[in-house]
PDB file of N, CA and C in Angstrom:
ATOM      1  N   MET A   1      -1.547  10.718 -13.425  1.00  0.00           N
ATOM      2  CA  MET A   1      -1.995  10.037 -12.224  1.00  0.00           C
ATOM      3  C   MET A   1      -1.049   8.852 -11.971  1.00  0.00           C
ATOM      4  N   ASN A   2      -0.524   8.759 -10.770  1.00  0.00           N
ATOM      5  CA  ASN A   2       0.425   7.716 -10.407  1.00  0.00           C
ATOM      6  C   ASN A   2      -0.281   6.494  -9.846  1.00  0.00           C
ATOM      7  N   ALA A   3       0.227   5.324 -10.192  1.00  0.00           N
ATOM      8  CA  ALA A   3      -0.280   4.084  -9.601  1.00  0.00           C
ATOM      9  C   ALA A   3       0.480   3.819  -8.314  1.00  0.00           C
ATOM     10  N   VAL A   4      -0.209   3.339  -7.311  1.00  0.00           N
ATOM     11  CA  VAL A   4       0.384   2.990  -6.027  1.00  0.00           C
ATOM     12  C   VAL A   4      -0.035   1.563  -5.681  1.00  0.00           C
ATOM     13  N   TYR A   5       0.572   1.008  -4.653  1.00  0.00           N
ATOM     14  CA  TYR A   5       0.307  -0.360  -4.239  1.00  0.00           C
ATOM     15  C   TYR A   5      -0.325  -0.362  -2.859  1.00  0.00           C
ATOM     16  N   VAL A   6      -1.280  -1.252  -2.662  1.00  0.00           N
ATOM     17  CA  VAL A   6      -1.941  -1.379  -1.366  1.00  0.00           C
ATOM     18  C   VAL A   6      -2.026  -2.855  -0.998  1.00  0.00           C
ATOM     19  N   ARG A   7      -2.028  -3.114   0.307  1.00  0.00           N
ATOM     20  CA  ARG A   7      -2.171  -4.483   0.816  1.00  0.00           C
ATOM     21  C   ARG A   7      -3.584  -4.989   0.596  1.00  0.00           C
ATOM     22  N   ILE A   8      -3.695  -6.270   0.425  1.00  0.00           N
ATOM     23  CA  ILE A   8      -4.985  -6.943   0.479  1.00  0.00           C
ATOM     24  C   ILE A   8      -4.977  -7.672   1.815  1.00  0.00           C
ATOM     25  N   GLY A   9      -5.950  -7.420   2.646  1.00  0.00           N
ATOM     26  CA  GLY A   9      -6.004  -8.048   3.957  1.00  0.00           C
ATOM     27  C   GLY A   9      -6.016  -7.013   5.066  1.00  0.00           C
ATOM     28  N   GLU A  10      -5.662  -7.441   6.265  1.00  0.00           N
ATOM     29  CA  GLU A  10      -5.661  -6.561   7.428  1.00  0.00           C
ATOM     30  C   GLU A  10      -4.471  -5.597   7.379  1.00  0.00           C
ATOM     31  N   TYR A  11      -4.488  -4.635   8.284  1.00  0.00           N
ATOM     32  CA  TYR A  11      -3.408  -3.651   8.409  1.00  0.00           C
ATOM     33  C   TYR A  11      -3.241  -2.847   7.131  1.00  0.00           C
ATOM     34  N   ARG A  12      -4.343  -2.464   6.533  1.00  0.00           N
ATOM     35  CA  ARG A  12      -4.324  -1.686   5.300  1.00  0.00           C
ATOM     36  C   ARG A  12      -4.646  -0.241   5.654  1.00  0.00           C
ATOM     37  N   SER A  13      -3.613   0.547   5.917  1.00  0.00           N
ATOM     38  CA  SER A  13      -3.836   1.951   6.266  1.00  0.00           C
ATOM     39  C   SER A  13      -3.023   2.893   5.384  1.00  0.00           C
ATOM     40  N   SER A  14      -2.107   2.345   4.591  1.00  0.00           N
ATOM     41  CA  SER A  14      -1.220   3.174   3.777  1.00  0.00           C
ATOM     42  C   SER A  14      -1.175   2.670   2.343  1.00  0.00           C
ATOM     43  N   TYR A  15      -0.798   3.584   1.455  1.00  0.00           N
ATOM     44  CA  TYR A  15      -0.487   3.169   0.089  1.00  0.00           C
ATOM     45  C   TYR A  15       1.013   3.332  -0.114  1.00  0.00           C
ATOM     46  N   HIS A  16       1.549   2.598  -1.047  1.00  0.00           N
ATOM     47  CA  HIS A  16       2.994   2.484  -1.199  1.00  0.00           C
ATOM     48  C   HIS A  16       3.414   2.795  -2.629  1.00  0.00           C
ATOM     49  N   THR A  17       4.533   3.494  -2.764  1.00  0.00           N
ATOM     50  CA  THR A  17       5.105   3.777  -4.075  1.00  0.00           C
ATOM     51  C   THR A  17       6.187   2.773  -4.426  1.00  0.00           C
ATOM     52  N   ASP A  18       6.705   2.062  -3.432  1.00  0.00           N
ATOM     53  CA  ASP A  18       7.764   1.068  -3.617  1.00  0.00           C
ATOM     54  C   ASP A  18       7.164  -0.325  -3.441  1.00  0.00           C
ATOM     55  N   VAL A  19       7.122  -1.104  -4.510  1.00  0.00           N
ATOM     56  CA  VAL A  19       6.516  -2.429  -4.462  1.00  0.00           C
ATOM     57  C   VAL A  19       7.255  -3.369  -3.508  1.00  0.00           C
ATOM     58  N   ASP A  20       8.506  -3.072  -3.186  1.00  0.00           N
ATOM     59  CA  ASP A  20       9.300  -3.905  -2.284  1.00  0.00           C
ATOM     60  C   ASP A  20       9.322  -3.385  -0.850  1.00  0.00           C
ATOM     61  N   CYS A  21       8.492  -2.416  -0.529  1.00  0.00           N
ATOM     62  CA  CYS A  21       8.464  -1.834   0.819  1.00  0.00           C
ATOM     63  C   CYS A  21       8.141  -2.920   1.855  1.00  0.00           C
ATOM     64  N   PRO A  22       8.937  -3.026   2.931  1.00  0.00           N
ATOM     65  CA  PRO A  22       8.660  -4.008   3.976  1.00  0.00           C
ATOM     66  C   PRO A  22       7.289  -3.809   4.636  1.00  0.00           C
ATOM     67  N   SER A  23       6.820  -2.594   4.697  1.00  0.00           N
ATOM     68  CA  SER A  23       5.508  -2.336   5.299  1.00  0.00           C
ATOM     69  C   SER A  23       4.378  -2.861   4.423  1.00  0.00           C
ATOM     70  N   LEU A  24       4.613  -2.954   3.130  1.00  0.00           N
ATOM     71  CA  LEU A  24       3.611  -3.493   2.210  1.00  0.00           C
ATOM     72  C   LEU A  24       3.587  -5.013   2.276  1.00  0.00           C
ATOM     73  N   ASN A  25       4.749  -5.625   2.361  1.00  0.00           N
ATOM     74  CA  ASN A  25       4.861  -7.076   2.271  1.00  0.00           C
ATOM     75  C   ASN A  25       5.004  -7.775   3.615  1.00  0.00           C
ATOM     76  N   GLY A  26       5.093  -7.028   4.698  1.00  0.00           N
ATOM     77  CA  GLY A  26       5.318  -7.612   6.013  1.00  0.00           C
ATOM     78  C   GLY A  26       4.071  -8.263   6.601  1.00  0.00           C
ATOM     79  N   LYS A  27       4.189  -8.699   7.841  1.00  0.00           N
ATOM     80  CA  LYS A  27       3.087  -9.351   8.565  1.00  0.00           C
ATOM     81  C   LYS A  27       2.516 -10.490   7.735  1.00  0.00           C
ATOM     82  N   GLN A  28       3.361 -11.455   7.425  1.00  0.00           N
ATOM     83  CA  GLN A  28       2.983 -12.550   6.536  1.00  0.00           C
ATOM     84  C   GLN A  28       1.753 -13.327   6.999  1.00  0.00           C
ATOM     85  N   ASP A  29       1.493 -13.355   8.298  1.00  0.00           N
ATOM     86  CA  ASP A  29       0.315 -14.088   8.777  1.00  0.00           C
ATOM     87  C   ASP A  29      -0.995 -13.429   8.360  1.00  0.00           C
ATOM     88  N   THR A  30      -0.970 -12.143   7.994  1.00  0.00           N
ATOM     89  CA  THR A  30      -2.190 -11.461   7.557  1.00  0.00           C
ATOM     90  C   THR A  30      -2.080 -10.964   6.117  1.00  0.00           C
ATOM     91  N   TYR A  31      -0.961 -11.215   5.473  1.00  0.00           N
ATOM     92  CA  TYR A  31      -0.736 -10.735   4.104  1.00  0.00           C
ATOM     93  C   TYR A  31      -1.488 -11.617   3.114  1.00  0.00           C
ATOM     94  N   MET A  32      -2.309 -10.999   2.293  1.00  0.00           N
ATOM     95  CA  MET A  32      -3.087 -11.746   1.300  1.00  0.00           C
ATOM     96  C   MET A  32      -2.784 -11.253  -0.110  1.00  0.00           C
ATOM     97  N   GLY A  33      -1.671 -10.556  -0.274  1.00  0.00           N
ATOM     98  CA  GLY A  33      -1.279 -10.053  -1.576  1.00  0.00           C
ATOM     99  C   GLY A  33      -1.358  -8.539  -1.623  1.00  0.00           C
ATOM    100  N   GLN A  34      -1.196  -8.020  -2.829  1.00  0.00           N
ATOM    101  CA  GLN A  34      -1.247  -6.577  -3.035  1.00  0.00           C
ATOM    102  C   GLN A  34      -1.920  -6.286  -4.359  1.00  0.00           C
ATOM    103  N   GLU A  35      -2.395  -5.064  -4.476  1.00  0.00           N
ATOM    104  CA  GLU A  35      -3.019  -4.624  -5.712  1.00  0.00           C
ATOM    105  C   GLU A  35      -2.569  -3.213  -6.000  1.00  0.00           C
ATOM    106  N   SER A  36      -2.638  -2.838  -7.256  1.00  0.00           N
ATOM    107  CA  SER A  36      -2.303  -1.463  -7.614  1.00  0.00           C
ATOM    108  C   SER A  36      -3.583  -0.711  -7.939  1.00  0.00           C
ATOM    109  N   MET A  37      -3.524   0.594  -7.730  1.00  0.00           N
ATOM    110  CA  MET A  37      -4.658   1.468  -8.021  1.00  0.00           C
ATOM    111  C   MET A  37      -4.135   2.883  -8.171  1.00  0.00           C
ATOM    112  N   PRO A  38      -4.895   3.766  -8.771  1.00  0.00           N
ATOM    113  CA  PRO A  38      -4.480   5.170  -8.852  1.00  0.00           C
ATOM    114  C   PRO A  38      -4.348   5.780  -7.450  1.00  0.00           C
ATOM    115  N   GLU A  39      -3.383   6.647  -7.284  1.00  0.00           N
ATOM    116  CA  GLU A  39      -3.153   7.288  -5.976  1.00  0.00           C
ATOM    117  C   GLU A  39      -4.399   8.002  -5.469  1.00  0.00           C
ATOM    118  N   ASP A  40      -5.129   8.648  -6.357  1.00  0.00           N
ATOM    119  CA  ASP A  40      -6.350   9.348  -5.957  1.00  0.00           C
ATOM    120  C   ASP A  40      -7.374   8.388  -5.354  1.00  0.00           C
ATOM    121  N   GLN A  41      -7.497   7.211  -5.934  1.00  0.00           N
ATOM    122  CA  GLN A  41      -8.437   6.218  -5.428  1.00  0.00           C
ATOM    123  C   GLN A  41      -8.012   5.731  -4.038  1.00  0.00           C
ATOM    124  N   ALA A  42      -6.717   5.541  -3.833  1.00  0.00           N
ATOM    125  CA  ALA A  42      -6.215   5.117  -2.520  1.00  0.00           C
ATOM    126  C   ALA A  42      -6.542   6.177  -1.464  1.00  0.00           C
ATOM    127  N   ARG A  43      -6.357   7.433  -1.809  1.00  0.00           N
ATOM    128  CA  ARG A  43      -6.675   8.522  -0.871  1.00  0.00           C
ATOM    129  C   ARG A  43      -8.170   8.566  -0.568  1.00  0.00           C
ATOM    130  N   GLU A  44      -8.997   8.334  -1.580  1.00  0.00           N
ATOM    131  CA  GLU A  44     -10.447   8.320  -1.378  1.00  0.00           C
ATOM    132  C   GLU A  44     -10.862   7.217  -0.408  1.00  0.00           C
ATOM    133  N   GLN A  45     -10.088   6.141  -0.346  1.00  0.00           N
ATOM    134  CA  GLN A  45     -10.369   5.037   0.564  1.00  0.00           C
ATOM    135  C   GLN A  45      -9.817   5.297   1.967  1.00  0.00           C
ATOM    136  N   GLY A  46      -9.244   6.490   2.163  1.00  0.00           N
ATOM    137  CA  GLY A  46      -8.739   6.859   3.476  1.00  0.00           C
ATOM    138  C   GLY A  46      -7.310   6.428   3.749  1.00  0.00           C
ATOM    139  N   LEU A  47      -6.604   5.959   2.733  1.00  0.00           N
ATOM    140  CA  LEU A  47      -5.225   5.528   2.911  1.00  0.00           C
ATOM    141  C   LEU A  47      -4.291   6.732   2.829  1.00  0.00           C
ATOM    142  N   THR A  48      -3.194   6.660   3.551  1.00  0.00           N
ATOM    143  CA  THR A  48      -2.201   7.731   3.548  1.00  0.00           C
ATOM    144  C   THR A  48      -0.891   7.207   2.973  1.00  0.00           C
ATOM    145  N   ALA A  49      -0.021   8.110   2.570  1.00  0.00           N
ATOM    146  CA  ALA A  49       1.265   7.735   1.986  1.00  0.00           C
ATOM    147  C   ALA A  49       2.158   7.062   3.031  1.00  0.00           C
ATOM    148  N   CYS A  50       2.791   5.973   2.637  1.00  0.00           N
ATOM    149  CA  CYS A  50       3.721   5.272   3.527  1.00  0.00           C
ATOM    150  C   CYS A  50       4.961   6.127   3.742  1.00  0.00           C
ATOM    151  N   LYS A  51       5.411   6.201   4.963  1.00  0.00           N
ATOM    152  CA  LYS A  51       6.585   7.005   5.297  1.00  0.00           C
ATOM    153  C   LYS A  51       7.884   6.224   5.105  1.00  0.00           C
ATOM    154  N   HIS A  52       7.780   4.917   4.830  1.00  0.00           N
ATOM    155  CA  HIS A  52       8.970   4.090   4.676  1.00  0.00           C
ATOM    156  C   HIS A  52       9.363   3.844   3.216  1.00  0.00           C
ATOM    157  N   CYS A  53       8.471   4.140   2.291  1.00  0.00           N
ATOM    158  CA  CYS A  53       8.758   3.892   0.870  1.00  0.00           C
ATOM    159  C   CYS A  53       9.841   4.837   0.367  1.00  0.00           C
ATOM    160  N   LYS A  54      10.647   4.304  -0.551  1.00  0.00           N
ATOM    161  CA  LYS A  54      11.619   5.138  -1.241  1.00  0.00           C
ATOM    162  C   LYS A  54      10.854   6.070  -2.165  1.00  0.00           C
ATOM    163  N   LYS A  55      11.287   7.283  -2.255  1.00  0.00           N
ATOM    164  CA  LYS A  55      10.600   8.261  -3.121  1.00  0.00           C
ATOM    165  C   LYS A  55      11.078   8.164  -4.537  1.00  0.00           C
TER     166      LYS A  55
END
């Protein structure tokens, strides 16, 4: 099971495999940090894979 990263705060619709992804860390006015979780758990929360992350 792979760990992925998700935003804490608004605009949380995707999970990320790249911790440095601009989509994960962007929108600084609404960014409240990030957390890691199993990919399966992120999918259960309705999040989809980020299309901008490096594979």
